[in-house]
PDB file of N, CA and C in Angstrom:
ATOM      1  N   UNK A   1       0.889  -1.214  -0.047  1.00  0.00           N
ATOM      2  CA  UNK A   1      -0.038   0.016   0.006  1.00  0.00           C
ATOM      3  C   UNK A   1       0.834   1.247   0.076  1.00  0.00           C
ATOM      4  N   UNK A   2       0.524   2.214  -0.729  1.00  0.00           N
ATOM      5  CA  UNK A   2       1.176   3.460  -0.906  1.00  0.00           C
ATOM      6  C   UNK A   2       1.526   4.149   0.486  1.00  0.00           C
ATOM      7  N   UNK A   3       2.385   5.062   0.650  1.00  0.00           N
ATOM      8  CA  UNK A   3       2.710   5.721   1.881  1.00  0.00           C
ATOM      9  C   UNK A   3       1.737   6.860   1.986  1.00  0.00           C
ATOM     10  N   UNK A   4       0.408   6.532   2.355  1.00  0.00           N
ATOM     11  CA  UNK A   4      -0.548   7.609   2.527  1.00  0.00           C
ATOM     12  C   UNK A   4      -1.235   7.285   3.794  1.00  0.00           C
ATOM     13  N   UNK A   5      -1.136   8.300   4.687  1.00  0.00           N
ATOM     14  CA  UNK A   5      -1.875   8.046   6.123  1.00  0.00           C
ATOM     15  C   UNK A   5      -3.208   7.673   6.036  1.00  0.00           C
ATOM     16  N   UNK A   6      -4.102   8.369   5.376  1.00  0.00           N
ATOM     17  CA  UNK A   6      -5.580   8.127   5.500  1.00  0.00           C
ATOM     18  C   UNK A   6      -5.825   6.803   4.839  1.00  0.00           C
ATOM     19  N   UNK A   7      -5.241   6.596   3.764  1.00  0.00           N
ATOM     20  CA  UNK A   7      -5.401   5.281   2.907  1.00  0.00           C
ATOM     21  C   UNK A   7      -5.095   4.041   3.992  1.00  0.00           C
ATOM     22  N   UNK A   8      -3.890   4.101   4.496  1.00  0.00           N
ATOM     23  CA  UNK A   8      -3.496   3.091   5.520  1.00  0.00           C
ATOM     24  C   UNK A   8      -4.317   2.898   6.587  1.00  0.00           C
ATOM     25  N   UNK A   9      -4.697   4.155   7.252  1.00  0.00           N
ATOM     26  CA  UNK A   9      -5.440   4.054   8.384  1.00  0.00           C
ATOM     27  C   UNK A   9      -6.855   3.555   8.120  1.00  0.00           C
ATOM     28  N   UNK A  10      -7.542   4.003   7.077  1.00  0.00           N
ATOM     29  CA  UNK A  10      -8.896   3.395   6.732  1.00  0.00           C
ATOM     30  C   UNK A  10      -8.782   1.965   6.454  1.00  0.00           C
ATOM     31  N   UNK A  11      -7.758   1.531   5.757  1.00  0.00           N
ATOM     32  CA  UNK A  11      -7.640  -0.060   5.448  1.00  0.00           C
ATOM     33  C   UNK A  11      -7.505  -0.626   6.765  1.00  0.00           C
ATOM     34  N   UNK A  12      -6.565  -0.262   7.570  1.00  0.00           N
ATOM     35  CA  UNK A  12      -6.329  -0.965   8.834  1.00  0.00           C
ATOM     36  C   UNK A  12      -7.617  -1.025   9.731  1.00  0.00           C
ATOM     37  N   UNK A  13      -8.375   0.077   9.754  1.00  0.00           N
ATOM     38  CA  UNK A  13      -9.584   0.253  10.488  1.00  0.00           C
ATOM     39  C   UNK A  13     -10.630  -0.783   9.865  1.00  0.00           C
ATOM     40  N   UNK A  14     -10.641  -0.895   8.481  1.00  0.00           N
ATOM     41  CA  UNK A  14     -11.585  -1.841   8.031  1.00  0.00           C
ATOM     42  C   UNK A  14     -11.330  -3.379   8.572  1.00  0.00           C
ATOM     43  N   UNK A  15     -10.105  -3.695   8.560  1.00  0.00           N
ATOM     44  CA  UNK A  15      -9.602  -4.940   8.963  1.00  0.00           C
ATOM     45  C   UNK A  15     -10.016  -5.111  10.563  1.00  0.00           C
ATOM     46  N   UNK A  16      -9.888  -4.176  11.278  1.00  0.00           N
ATOM     47  CA  UNK A  16     -10.373  -4.356  12.798  1.00  0.00           C
ATOM     48  C   UNK A  16     -11.787  -4.454  12.657  1.00  0.00           C
ATOM     49  N   UNK A  17     -12.394  -3.717  12.020  1.00  0.00           N
ATOM     50  CA  UNK A  17     -14.047  -3.663  12.117  1.00  0.00           C
ATOM     51  C   UNK A  17     -14.476  -5.223  11.622  1.00  0.00           C
ATOM     52  N   UNK A  18     -13.857  -5.751  10.558  1.00  0.00           N
ATOM     53  CA  UNK A  18     -14.237  -7.008  10.128  1.00  0.00           C
ATOM     54  C   UNK A  18     -14.071  -8.176  11.391  1.00  0.00           C
ATOM     55  N   UNK A  19     -13.071  -7.970  12.081  1.00  0.00           N
ATOM     56  CA  UNK A  19     -12.713  -8.725  13.395  1.00  0.00           C
ATOM     57  C   UNK A  19     -13.963  -8.611  14.344  1.00  0.00           C
ATOM     58  N   UNK A  20     -14.064  -7.232  14.569  1.00  0.00           N
ATOM     59  CA  UNK A  20     -15.226  -6.968  15.614  1.00  0.00           C
ATOM     60  C   UNK A  20     -16.592  -7.418  14.995  1.00  0.00           C
ATOM     61  N   UNK A  21     -16.874  -7.319  13.957  1.00  0.00           N
ATOM     62  CA  UNK A  21     -18.137  -7.921  13.213  1.00  0.00           C
ATOM     63  C   UNK A  21     -18.254  -9.297  13.279  1.00  0.00           C
ATOM     64  N   UNK A  22     -17.220 -10.124  13.268  1.00  0.00           N
ATOM     65  CA  UNK A  22     -17.172 -11.294  13.280  1.00  0.00           C
ATOM     66  C   UNK A  22     -17.472 -11.871  14.821  1.00  0.00           C
ATOM     67  N   UNK A  23     -17.216 -11.056  15.677  1.00  0.00           N
ATOM     68  CA  UNK A  23     -17.675 -11.373  17.145  1.00  0.00           C
ATOM     69  C   UNK A  23     -19.102 -11.057  17.326  1.00  0.00           C
ATOM     70  N   UNK A  24     -19.538  -9.978  16.613  1.00  0.00           N
ATOM     71  CA  UNK A  24     -20.960  -9.735  16.614  1.00  0.00           C
ATOM     72  C   UNK A  24     -21.858 -10.879  16.060  1.00  0.00           C
ATOM     73  N   UNK A  25     -21.418 -11.158  14.838  1.00  0.00           N
ATOM     74  CA  UNK A  25     -22.029 -12.289  14.178  1.00  0.00           C
ATOM     75  C   UNK A  25     -22.079 -13.674  15.004  1.00  0.00           C
ATOM     76  N   UNK A  26     -21.012 -13.843  15.913  1.00  0.00           N
ATOM     77  CA  UNK A  26     -20.951 -15.088  16.660  1.00  0.00           C
ATOM     78  C   UNK A  26     -21.937 -15.047  17.744  1.00  0.00           C
ATOM     79  N   UNK A  27     -22.201 -13.758  18.137  1.00  0.00           N
ATOM     80  CA  UNK A  27     -23.240 -13.475  19.147  1.00  0.00           C
ATOM     81  C   UNK A  27     -24.505 -13.189  18.596  1.00  0.00           C
ATOM     82  N   UNK A  28     -24.836 -13.406  17.185  1.00  0.00           N
ATOM     83  CA  UNK A  28     -26.041 -13.403  16.565  1.00  0.00           C
ATOM     84  C   UNK A  28     -26.575 -11.936  16.653  1.00  0.00           C
ATOM     85  N   UNK A  29     -25.882 -10.947  16.564  1.00  0.00           N
ATOM     86  CA  UNK A  29     -26.016  -9.512  16.464  1.00  0.00           C
ATOM     87  C   UNK A  29     -25.928  -9.054  14.910  1.00  0.00           C
ATOM     88  N   UNK A  30     -26.559  -9.776  14.051  1.00  0.00           N
ATOM     89  CA  UNK A  30     -26.401  -9.543  12.605  1.00  0.00           C
ATOM     90  C   UNK A  30     -26.847  -8.262  12.083  1.00  0.00           C
ATOM     91  N   UNK A  31     -27.781  -7.580  12.576  1.00  0.00           N
ATOM     92  CA  UNK A  31     -28.234  -6.281  12.049  1.00  0.00           C
ATOM     93  C   UNK A  31     -27.372  -5.339  12.204  1.00  0.00           C
ATOM     94  N   UNK A  32     -26.887  -5.128  13.600  1.00  0.00           N
ATOM     95  CA  UNK A  32     -25.845  -4.116  13.771  1.00  0.00           C
ATOM     96  C   UNK A  32     -24.410  -4.429  13.184  1.00  0.00           C
ATOM     97  N   UNK A  33     -24.049  -5.668  13.032  1.00  0.00           N
ATOM     98  CA  UNK A  33     -22.992  -5.938  12.537  1.00  0.00           C
ATOM     99  C   UNK A  33     -22.788  -5.753  11.003  1.00  0.00           C
ATOM    100  N   UNK A  34     -24.098  -6.014  10.193  1.00  0.00           N
ATOM    101  CA  UNK A  34     -23.962  -5.692   8.806  1.00  0.00           C
ATOM    102  C   UNK A  34     -23.993  -4.121   8.637  1.00  0.00           C
ATOM    103  N   UNK A  35     -24.765  -3.448   9.506  1.00  0.00           N
ATOM    104  CA  UNK A  35     -24.666  -1.984   9.198  1.00  0.00           C
ATOM    105  C   UNK A  35     -23.318  -1.321   9.453  1.00  0.00           C
ATOM    106  N   UNK A  36     -22.709  -1.719  10.608  1.00  0.00           N
ATOM    107  CA  UNK A  36     -21.384  -1.366  10.973  1.00  0.00           C
ATOM    108  C   UNK A  36     -20.248  -1.735   9.845  1.00  0.00           C
ATOM    109  N   UNK A  37     -20.537  -2.965   9.350  1.00  0.00           N
ATOM    110  CA  UNK A  37     -19.459  -3.388   8.511  1.00  0.00           C
ATOM    111  C   UNK A  37     -19.571  -2.542   7.139  1.00  0.00           C
ATOM    112  N   UNK A  38     -20.762  -2.328   6.807  1.00  0.00           N
ATOM    113  CA  UNK A  38     -21.098  -1.592   5.353  1.00  0.00           C
ATOM    114  C   UNK A  38     -20.384  -0.091   5.644  1.00  0.00           C
ATOM    115  N   UNK A  39     -20.668   0.486   6.625  1.00  0.00           N
ATOM    116  CA  UNK A  39     -20.440   1.825   6.720  1.00  0.00           C
ATOM    117  C   UNK A  39     -18.889   2.013   6.946  1.00  0.00           C
ATOM    118  N   UNK A  40     -18.193   1.075   7.891  1.00  0.00           N
ATOM    119  CA  UNK A  40     -16.763   1.199   8.140  1.00  0.00           C
ATOM    120  C   UNK A  40     -15.979   0.880   6.934  1.00  0.00           C
ATOM    121  N   UNK A  41     -16.376  -0.083   6.204  1.00  0.00           N
ATOM    122  CA  UNK A  41     -15.543  -0.525   5.026  1.00  0.00           C
ATOM    123  C   UNK A  41     -15.647   0.513   3.873  1.00  0.00           C
ATOM    124  N   UNK A  42     -16.874   1.156   3.927  1.00  0.00           N
ATOM    125  CA  UNK A  42     -16.975   2.164   2.950  1.00  0.00           C
ATOM    126  C   UNK A  42     -16.151   3.466   3.081  1.00  0.00           C
ATOM    127  N   UNK A  43     -15.548   3.599   4.170  1.00  0.00           N
ATOM    128  CA  UNK A  43     -14.743   4.659   4.403  1.00  0.00           C
ATOM    129  C   UNK A  43     -13.475   4.538   3.457  1.00  0.00           C
ATOM    130  N   UNK A  44     -12.911   3.470   3.768  1.00  0.00           N
ATOM    131  CA  UNK A  44     -11.662   3.013   2.959  1.00  0.00           C
ATOM    132  C   UNK A  44     -11.968   2.898   1.510  1.00  0.00           C
ATOM    133  N   UNK A  45     -13.023   2.403   1.062  1.00  0.00           N
ATOM    134  CA  UNK A  45     -13.346   2.321  -0.300  1.00  0.00           C
ATOM    135  C   UNK A  45     -13.392   3.695  -0.945  1.00  0.00           C
ATOM    136  N   UNK A  46     -14.076   4.766  -0.308  1.00  0.00           N
ATOM    137  CA  UNK A  46     -14.163   5.998  -0.812  1.00  0.00           C
ATOM    138  C   UNK A  46     -12.945   6.752  -0.757  1.00  0.00           C
ATOM    139  N   UNK A  47     -12.143   6.398   0.193  1.00  0.00           N
ATOM    140  CA  UNK A  47     -10.699   7.133   0.332  1.00  0.00           C
ATOM    141  C   UNK A  47      -9.912   6.544  -0.952  1.00  0.00           C
ATOM    142  N   UNK A  48     -10.009   5.337  -1.115  1.00  0.00           N
ATOM    143  CA  UNK A  48      -9.124   4.688  -2.343  1.00  0.00           C
ATOM    144  C   UNK A  48      -9.661   5.179  -3.476  1.00  0.00           C
ATOM    145  N   UNK A  49     -10.961   5.225  -3.834  1.00  0.00           N
ATOM    146  CA  UNK A  49     -11.585   6.004  -4.945  1.00  0.00           C
ATOM    147  C   UNK A  49     -11.106   7.350  -5.183  1.00  0.00           C
ATOM    148  N   UNK A  50     -10.917   8.151  -4.057  1.00  0.00           N
ATOM    149  CA  UNK A  50     -10.459   9.476  -4.186  1.00  0.00           C
ATOM    150  C   UNK A  50      -8.971   9.624  -4.751  1.00  0.00           C
ATOM    151  N   UNK A  51      -8.284   8.502  -4.511  1.00  0.00           N
ATOM    152  CA  UNK A  51      -6.777   8.491  -5.139  1.00  0.00           C
ATOM    153  C   UNK A  51      -6.807   8.553  -6.714  1.00  0.00           C
ATOM    154  N   UNK A  52      -8.022   8.230  -7.371  1.00  0.00           N
ATOM    155  CA  UNK A  52      -8.028   8.174  -8.709  1.00  0.00           C
ATOM    156  C   UNK A  52      -9.041   9.270  -9.266  1.00  0.00           C
ATOM    157  N   UNK A  53      -9.188  10.325  -8.495  1.00  0.00           N
ATOM    158  CA  UNK A  53     -10.129  11.349  -8.724  1.00  0.00           C
ATOM    159  C   UNK A  53      -9.748  12.129  -9.999  1.00  0.00           C
ATOM    160  N   UNK A  54     -10.772  12.496 -10.575  1.00  0.00           N
ATOM    161  CA  UNK A  54     -10.600  13.281 -11.991  1.00  0.00           C
ATOM    162  C   UNK A  54     -10.140  14.834 -11.758  1.00  0.00           C
ATOM    163  N   UNK A  55     -10.536  15.442 -10.833  1.00  0.00           N
ATOM    164  CA  UNK A  55     -10.109  16.641 -10.376  1.00  0.00           C
ATOM    165  C   UNK A  55     -10.301  16.781  -8.944  1.00  0.00           C
ATOM    166  N   UNK A  56      -9.709  17.987  -8.658  1.00  0.00           N
ATOM    167  CA  UNK A  56      -9.690  18.401  -7.121  1.00  0.00           C
ATOM    168  C   UNK A  56     -11.091  18.333  -6.542  1.00  0.00           C
ATOM    169  N   UNK A  57     -12.111  18.746  -7.269  1.00  0.00           N
ATOM    170  CA  UNK A  57     -13.380  18.866  -6.730  1.00  0.00           C
ATOM    171  C   UNK A  57     -13.946  17.427  -6.543  1.00  0.00           C
ATOM    172  N   UNK A  58     -13.585  16.461  -7.352  1.00  0.00           N
ATOM    173  CA  UNK A  58     -13.976  15.165  -7.391  1.00  0.00           C
ATOM    174  C   UNK A  58     -13.270  14.539  -6.250  1.00  0.00           C
ATOM    175  N   UNK A  59     -12.002  14.848  -6.104  1.00  0.00           N
ATOM    176  CA  UNK A  59     -11.286  14.223  -4.870  1.00  0.00           C
ATOM    177  C   UNK A  59     -12.014  14.698  -3.527  1.00  0.00           C
ATOM    178  N   UNK A  60     -12.343  15.958  -3.512  1.00  0.00           N
ATOM    179  CA  UNK A  60     -12.993  16.413  -2.264  1.00  0.00           C
ATOM    180  C   UNK A  60     -14.359  15.784  -2.003  1.00  0.00           C
ATOM    181  N   UNK A  61     -15.059  15.664  -3.148  1.00  0.00           N
ATOM    182  CA  UNK A  61     -16.409  15.091  -2.959  1.00  0.00           C
ATOM    183  C   UNK A  61     -16.170  13.600  -2.449  1.00  0.00           C
ATOM    184  N   UNK A  62     -15.255  12.766  -2.819  1.00  0.00           N
ATOM    185  CA  UNK A  62     -15.066  11.409  -2.364  1.00  0.00           C
ATOM    186  C   UNK A  62     -14.605  11.285  -1.020  1.00  0.00           C
ATOM    187  N   UNK A  63     -13.767  12.528  -0.525  1.00  0.00           N
ATOM    188  CA  UNK A  63     -13.439  12.481   0.734  1.00  0.00           C
ATOM    189  C   UNK A  63     -14.640  12.760   1.575  1.00  0.00           C
ATOM    190  N   UNK A  64     -15.512  13.595   0.940  1.00  0.00           N
ATOM    191  CA  UNK A  64     -16.626  14.071   1.943  1.00  0.00           C
ATOM    192  C   UNK A  64     -17.517  12.935   2.126  1.00  0.00           C
ATOM    193  N   UNK A  65     -17.687  12.039   1.104  1.00  0.00           N
ATOM    194  CA  UNK A  65     -18.525  10.868   1.226  1.00  0.00           C
ATOM    195  C   UNK A  65     -17.893   9.968   2.334  1.00  0.00           C
ATOM    196  N   UNK A  66     -16.573   9.691   2.270  1.00  0.00           N
ATOM    197  CA  UNK A  66     -15.821   8.925   3.289  1.00  0.00           C
ATOM    198  C   UNK A  66     -16.027   9.632   4.613  1.00  0.00           C
ATOM    199  N   UNK A  67     -16.128  10.767   4.801  1.00  0.00           N
ATOM    200  CA  UNK A  67     -16.459  11.556   6.013  1.00  0.00           C
ATOM    201  C   UNK A  67     -17.799  11.137   6.515  1.00  0.00           C
ATOM    202  N   UNK A  68     -18.738  11.202   5.756  1.00  0.00           N
ATOM    203  CA  UNK A  68     -20.150  10.911   5.891  1.00  0.00           C
ATOM    204  C   UNK A  68     -20.222   9.538   6.566  1.00  0.00           C
ATOM    205  N   UNK A  69     -19.504   8.460   5.846  1.00  0.00           N
ATOM    206  CA  UNK A  69     -19.522   7.260   6.333  1.00  0.00           C
ATOM    207  C   UNK A  69     -18.950   6.988   7.514  1.00  0.00           C
ATOM    208  N   UNK A  70     -17.790   7.867   7.897  1.00  0.00           N
ATOM    209  CA  UNK A  70     -17.196   7.872   9.061  1.00  0.00           C
ATOM    210  C   UNK A  70     -18.124   8.244  10.244  1.00  0.00           C
ATOM    211  N   UNK A  71     -18.947   9.266  10.008  1.00  0.00           N
ATOM    212  CA  UNK A  71     -19.934   9.655  10.926  1.00  0.00           C
ATOM    213  C   UNK A  71     -20.942   8.681  11.246  1.00  0.00           C
ATOM    214  N   UNK A  72     -21.551   7.874  10.146  1.00  0.00           N
ATOM    215  CA  UNK A  72     -22.384   6.911  10.316  1.00  0.00           C
ATOM    216  C   UNK A  72     -21.673   5.641  11.125  1.00  0.00           C
ATOM    217  N   UNK A  73     -20.532   5.440  10.856  1.00  0.00           N
ATOM    218  CA  UNK A  73     -19.922   4.325  11.586  1.00  0.00           C
ATOM    219  C   UNK A  73     -19.648   4.784  13.009  1.00  0.00           C
ATOM    220  N   UNK A  74     -19.449   6.191  13.354  1.00  0.00           N
ATOM    221  CA  UNK A  74     -19.237   6.507  14.886  1.00  0.00           C
ATOM    222  C   UNK A  74     -20.588   6.121  15.459  1.00  0.00           C
ATOM    223  N   UNK A  75     -21.796   6.423  14.810  1.00  0.00           N
ATOM    224  CA  UNK A  75     -23.152   6.205  15.273  1.00  0.00           C
ATOM    225  C   UNK A  75     -23.258   4.649  15.800  1.00  0.00           C
ATOM    226  N   UNK A  76     -22.845   3.730  14.766  1.00  0.00           N
ATOM    227  CA  UNK A  76     -22.956   2.372  15.011  1.00  0.00           C
ATOM    228  C   UNK A  76     -22.243   1.923  16.228  1.00  0.00           C
ATOM    229  N   UNK A  77     -20.856   2.485  16.175  1.00  0.00           N
ATOM    230  CA  UNK A  77     -19.872   2.123  17.369  1.00  0.00           C
ATOM    231  C   UNK A  77     -20.583   2.665  18.710  1.00  0.00           C
ATOM    232  N   UNK A  78     -21.187   3.923  18.764  1.00  0.00           N
ATOM    233  CA  UNK A  78     -21.672   4.291  19.984  1.00  0.00           C
ATOM    234  C   UNK A  78     -22.963   3.542  20.382  1.00  0.00           C
ATOM    235  N   UNK A  79     -23.645   3.223  19.406  1.00  0.00           N
ATOM    236  CA  UNK A  79     -24.769   2.268  19.819  1.00  0.00           C
ATOM    237  C   UNK A  79     -24.347   0.868  20.315  1.00  0.00           C
ATOM    238  N   UNK A  80     -23.295   0.405  19.835  1.00  0.00           N
ATOM    239  CA  UNK A  80     -22.654  -1.072  20.347  1.00  0.00           C
ATOM    240  C   UNK A  80     -22.064  -0.588  21.844  1.00  0.00           C
ATOM    241  N   UNK A  81     -21.402   0.466  21.987  1.00  0.00           N
ATOM    242  CA  UNK A  81     -20.769   0.789  23.296  1.00  0.00           C
ATOM    243  C   UNK A  81     -21.878   1.010  24.368  1.00  0.00           C
ATOM    244  N   UNK A  82     -23.096   1.574  23.882  1.00  0.00           N
ATOM    245  CA  UNK A  82     -24.053   1.747  25.083  1.00  0.00           C
ATOM    246  C   UNK A  82     -25.025   0.789  25.164  1.00  0.00           C
ATOM    247  N   UNK A  83     -24.919  -0.350  24.274  1.00  0.00           N
ATOM    248  CA  UNK A  83     -25.846  -1.544  24.457  1.00  0.00           C
ATOM    249  C   UNK A  83     -25.304  -2.646  25.296  1.00  0.00           C
ATOM    250  N   UNK A  84     -26.135  -3.277  26.051  1.00  0.00           N
ATOM    251  CA  UNK A  84     -25.551  -4.494  26.821  1.00  0.00           C
ATOM    252  C   UNK A  84     -25.377  -5.664  25.906  1.00  0.00           C
ATOM    253  N   UNK A  85     -24.274  -6.378  26.283  1.00  0.00           N
ATOM    254  CA  UNK A  85     -23.837  -7.627  25.614  1.00  0.00           C
ATOM    255  C   UNK A  85     -23.045  -7.410  24.486  1.00  0.00           C
ATOM    256  N   UNK A  86     -22.440  -6.106  24.228  1.00  0.00           N
ATOM    257  CA  UNK A  86     -21.587  -5.878  22.998  1.00  0.00           C
ATOM    258  C   UNK A  86     -20.341  -5.845  23.408  1.00  0.00           C
ATOM    259  N   UNK A  87     -19.235  -6.208  22.599  1.00  0.00           N
ATOM    260  CA  UNK A  87     -17.845  -6.065  22.958  1.00  0.00           C
ATOM    261  C   UNK A  87     -17.565  -4.662  23.073  1.00  0.00           C
ATOM    262  N   UNK A  88     -16.410  -4.416  23.730  1.00  0.00           N
ATOM    263  CA  UNK A  88     -16.058  -2.924  23.973  1.00  0.00           C
ATOM    264  C   UNK A  88     -15.558  -2.240  22.547  1.00  0.00           C
ATOM    265  N   UNK A  89     -15.918  -1.096  22.334  1.00  0.00           N
ATOM    266  CA  UNK A  89     -15.516  -0.313  20.963  1.00  0.00           C
ATOM    267  C   UNK A  89     -14.470   0.681  21.197  1.00  0.00           C
ATOM    268  N   UNK A  90     -13.953   0.836  22.311  1.00  0.00           N
ATOM    269  CA  UNK A  90     -12.980   2.039  22.617  1.00  0.00           C
ATOM    270  C   UNK A  90     -11.772   2.236  21.534  1.00  0.00           C
ATOM    271  N   UNK A  91     -11.195   0.916  21.241  1.00  0.00           N
ATOM    272  CA  UNK A  91     -10.097   1.086  20.246  1.00  0.00           C
ATOM    273  C   UNK A  91     -10.705   1.447  18.927  1.00  0.00           C
ATOM    274  N   UNK A  92     -11.705   0.929  18.530  1.00  0.00           N
ATOM    275  CA  UNK A  92     -12.245   1.088  17.221  1.00  0.00           C
ATOM    276  C   UNK A  92     -12.627   2.526  17.125  1.00  0.00           C
ATOM    277  N   UNK A  93     -13.277   3.114  18.182  1.00  0.00           N
ATOM    278  CA  UNK A  93     -13.720   4.599  18.304  1.00  0.00           C
ATOM    279  C   UNK A  93     -12.535   5.470  18.204  1.00  0.00           C
ATOM    280  N   UNK A  94     -11.461   5.095  18.777  1.00  0.00           N
ATOM    281  CA  UNK A  94     -10.194   5.868  18.750  1.00  0.00           C
ATOM    282  C   UNK A  94      -9.535   6.077  17.417  1.00  0.00           C
ATOM    283  N   UNK A  95      -9.526   4.684  16.733  1.00  0.00           N
ATOM    284  CA  UNK A  95      -9.105   4.637  15.396  1.00  0.00           C
ATOM    285  C   UNK A  95      -9.884   5.585  14.407  1.00  0.00           C
ATOM    286  N   UNK A  96     -11.229   5.497  14.643  1.00  0.00           N
ATOM    287  CA  UNK A  96     -12.144   6.146  13.736  1.00  0.00           C
ATOM    288  C   UNK A  96     -11.935   7.773  14.119  1.00  0.00           C
ATOM    289  N   UNK A  97     -11.668   8.169  15.268  1.00  0.00           N
ATOM    290  CA  UNK A  97     -11.485   9.507  15.565  1.00  0.00           C
ATOM    291  C   UNK A  97     -10.157  10.164  14.586  1.00  0.00           C
ATOM    292  N   UNK A  98      -9.333   9.271  14.789  1.00  0.00           N
ATOM    293  CA  UNK A  98      -7.979   9.685  14.054  1.00  0.00           C
ATOM    294  C   UNK A  98      -8.253   9.838  12.544  1.00  0.00           C
ATOM    295  N   UNK A  99      -9.088   8.822  12.009  1.00  0.00           N
ATOM    296  CA  UNK A  99      -9.409   8.931  10.534  1.00  0.00           C
ATOM    297  C   UNK A  99     -10.288  10.179  10.129  1.00  0.00           C
ATOM    298  N   UNK A 100     -11.206  10.519  10.999  1.00  0.00           N
ATOM    299  CA  UNK A 100     -12.078  11.587  10.965  1.00  0.00           C
ATOM    300  C   UNK A 100     -11.101  12.851  11.010  1.00  0.00           C
ATOM    301  N   UNK A 101     -10.096  12.910  11.826  1.00  0.00           N
ATOM    302  CA  UNK A 101      -9.333  14.208  11.912  1.00  0.00           C
ATOM    303  C   UNK A 101      -8.477  14.218  10.500  1.00  0.00           C
ATOM    304  N   UNK A 102      -7.851  13.126  10.016  1.00  0.00           N
ATOM    305  CA  UNK A 102      -7.169  13.118   8.810  1.00  0.00           C
ATOM    306  C   UNK A 102      -8.196  13.605   7.711  1.00  0.00           C
ATOM    307  N   UNK A 103      -9.294  12.899   7.579  1.00  0.00           N
ATOM    308  CA  UNK A 103     -10.102  13.430   6.510  1.00  0.00           C
ATOM    309  C   UNK A 103     -10.620  14.788   6.605  1.00  0.00           C
ATOM    310  N   UNK A 104     -10.859  15.461   7.767  1.00  0.00           N
ATOM    311  CA  UNK A 104     -11.165  16.804   7.910  1.00  0.00           C
ATOM    312  C   UNK A 104      -9.946  17.777   7.454  1.00  0.00           C
ATOM    313  N   UNK A 105      -8.900  17.356   7.848  1.00  0.00           N
ATOM    314  CA  UNK A 105      -7.727  18.079   7.545  1.00  0.00           C
ATOM    315  C   UNK A 105      -7.318  18.115   6.040  1.00  0.00           C
ATOM    316  N   UNK A 106      -7.562  16.998   5.343  1.00  0.00           N
ATOM    317  CA  UNK A 106      -7.356  16.971   3.915  1.00  0.00           C
ATOM    318  C   UNK A 106      -8.291  17.748   3.131  1.00  0.00           C
ATOM    319  N   UNK A 107      -9.636  17.617   3.602  1.00  0.00           N
ATOM    320  CA  UNK A 107     -10.716  18.259   2.979  1.00  0.00           C
ATOM    321  C   UNK A 107     -10.528  19.873   3.092  1.00  0.00           C
ATOM    322  N   UNK A 108     -10.192  20.143   4.310  1.00  0.00           N
ATOM    323  CA  UNK A 108     -10.006  21.603   4.456  1.00  0.00           C
ATOM    324  C   UNK A 108      -8.909  22.072   3.713  1.00  0.00           C
ATOM    325  N   UNK A 109      -7.807  21.535   3.493  1.00  0.00           N
ATOM    326  CA  UNK A 109      -6.565  21.956   2.892  1.00  0.00           C
ATOM    327  C   UNK A 109      -6.910  21.882   1.303  1.00  0.00           C
ATOM    328  N   UNK A 110      -7.695  20.806   0.992  1.00  0.00           N
ATOM    329  CA  UNK A 110      -7.932  20.890  -0.510  1.00  0.00           C
ATOM    330  C   UNK A 110      -8.855  21.941  -1.001  1.00  0.00           C
ATOM    331  N   UNK A 111      -9.932  22.262  -0.174  1.00  0.00           N
ATOM    332  CA  UNK A 111     -10.816  23.255  -0.451  1.00  0.00           C
ATOM    333  C   UNK A 111     -10.095  24.582  -0.389  1.00  0.00           C
ATOM    334  N   UNK A 112      -9.048  24.764   0.592  1.00  0.00           N
ATOM    335  CA  UNK A 112      -8.418  26.061   0.625  1.00  0.00           C
ATOM    336  C   UNK A 112      -7.641  26.262  -0.736  1.00  0.00           C
ATOM    337  N   UNK A 113      -7.041  25.166  -1.148  1.00  0.00           N
ATOM    338  CA  UNK A 113      -6.049  25.256  -2.426  1.00  0.00           C
ATOM    339  C   UNK A 113      -7.043  25.471  -3.688  1.00  0.00           C
ATOM    340  N   UNK A 114      -8.224  24.891  -3.719  1.00  0.00           N
ATOM    341  CA  UNK A 114      -9.217  25.227  -4.713  1.00  0.00           C
ATOM    342  C   UNK A 114      -9.712  26.612  -4.908  1.00  0.00           C
ATOM    343  N   UNK A 115      -9.710  27.341  -3.710  1.00  0.00           N
ATOM    344  CA  UNK A 115     -10.192  28.672  -3.664  1.00  0.00           C
ATOM    345  C   UNK A 115      -8.933  29.469  -4.182  1.00  0.00           C
ATOM    346  N   UNK A 116      -7.852  29.260  -3.642  1.00  0.00           N
ATOM    347  CA  UNK A 116      -6.689  30.126  -4.044  1.00  0.00           C
ATOM    348  C   UNK A 116      -6.397  30.047  -5.537  1.00  0.00           C
ATOM    349  N   UNK A 117      -6.472  28.806  -6.089  1.00  0.00           N
ATOM    350  CA  UNK A 117      -6.224  28.598  -7.541  1.00  0.00           C
ATOM    351  C   UNK A 117      -7.447  28.917  -8.381  1.00  0.00           C
ATOM    352  N   UNK A 118      -8.597  29.283  -7.907  1.00  0.00           N
ATOM    353  CA  UNK A 118      -9.697  29.669  -8.631  1.00  0.00           C
ATOM    354  C   UNK A 118      -9.583  31.021  -9.208  1.00  0.00           C
TER     355      UNK A 118
END
């Protein structure tokens, strides 16, 4: 994988979420597991798509979608954290927060450069 912090972080996060969702599946918590798995792995998929963006605007758009998926993932993790009988989510939540910070920073910087170059 390329030397790209947000790409690497989102990929590694996806791997950890897969492991977590396997625990949920073993406990027959399929609905939450499916929702979490979809939103969490979508973050990395959108970040990966952004690497082949056709323009800066397209790049920003794809990262904004990744940020929205991160927000949804935060919701599912919070739901798991507050529900009885669910494994702890602290590490995943911390990893997600770091990804959200990276995405926010990249989006802000890219938008700032778009305005300067317009």
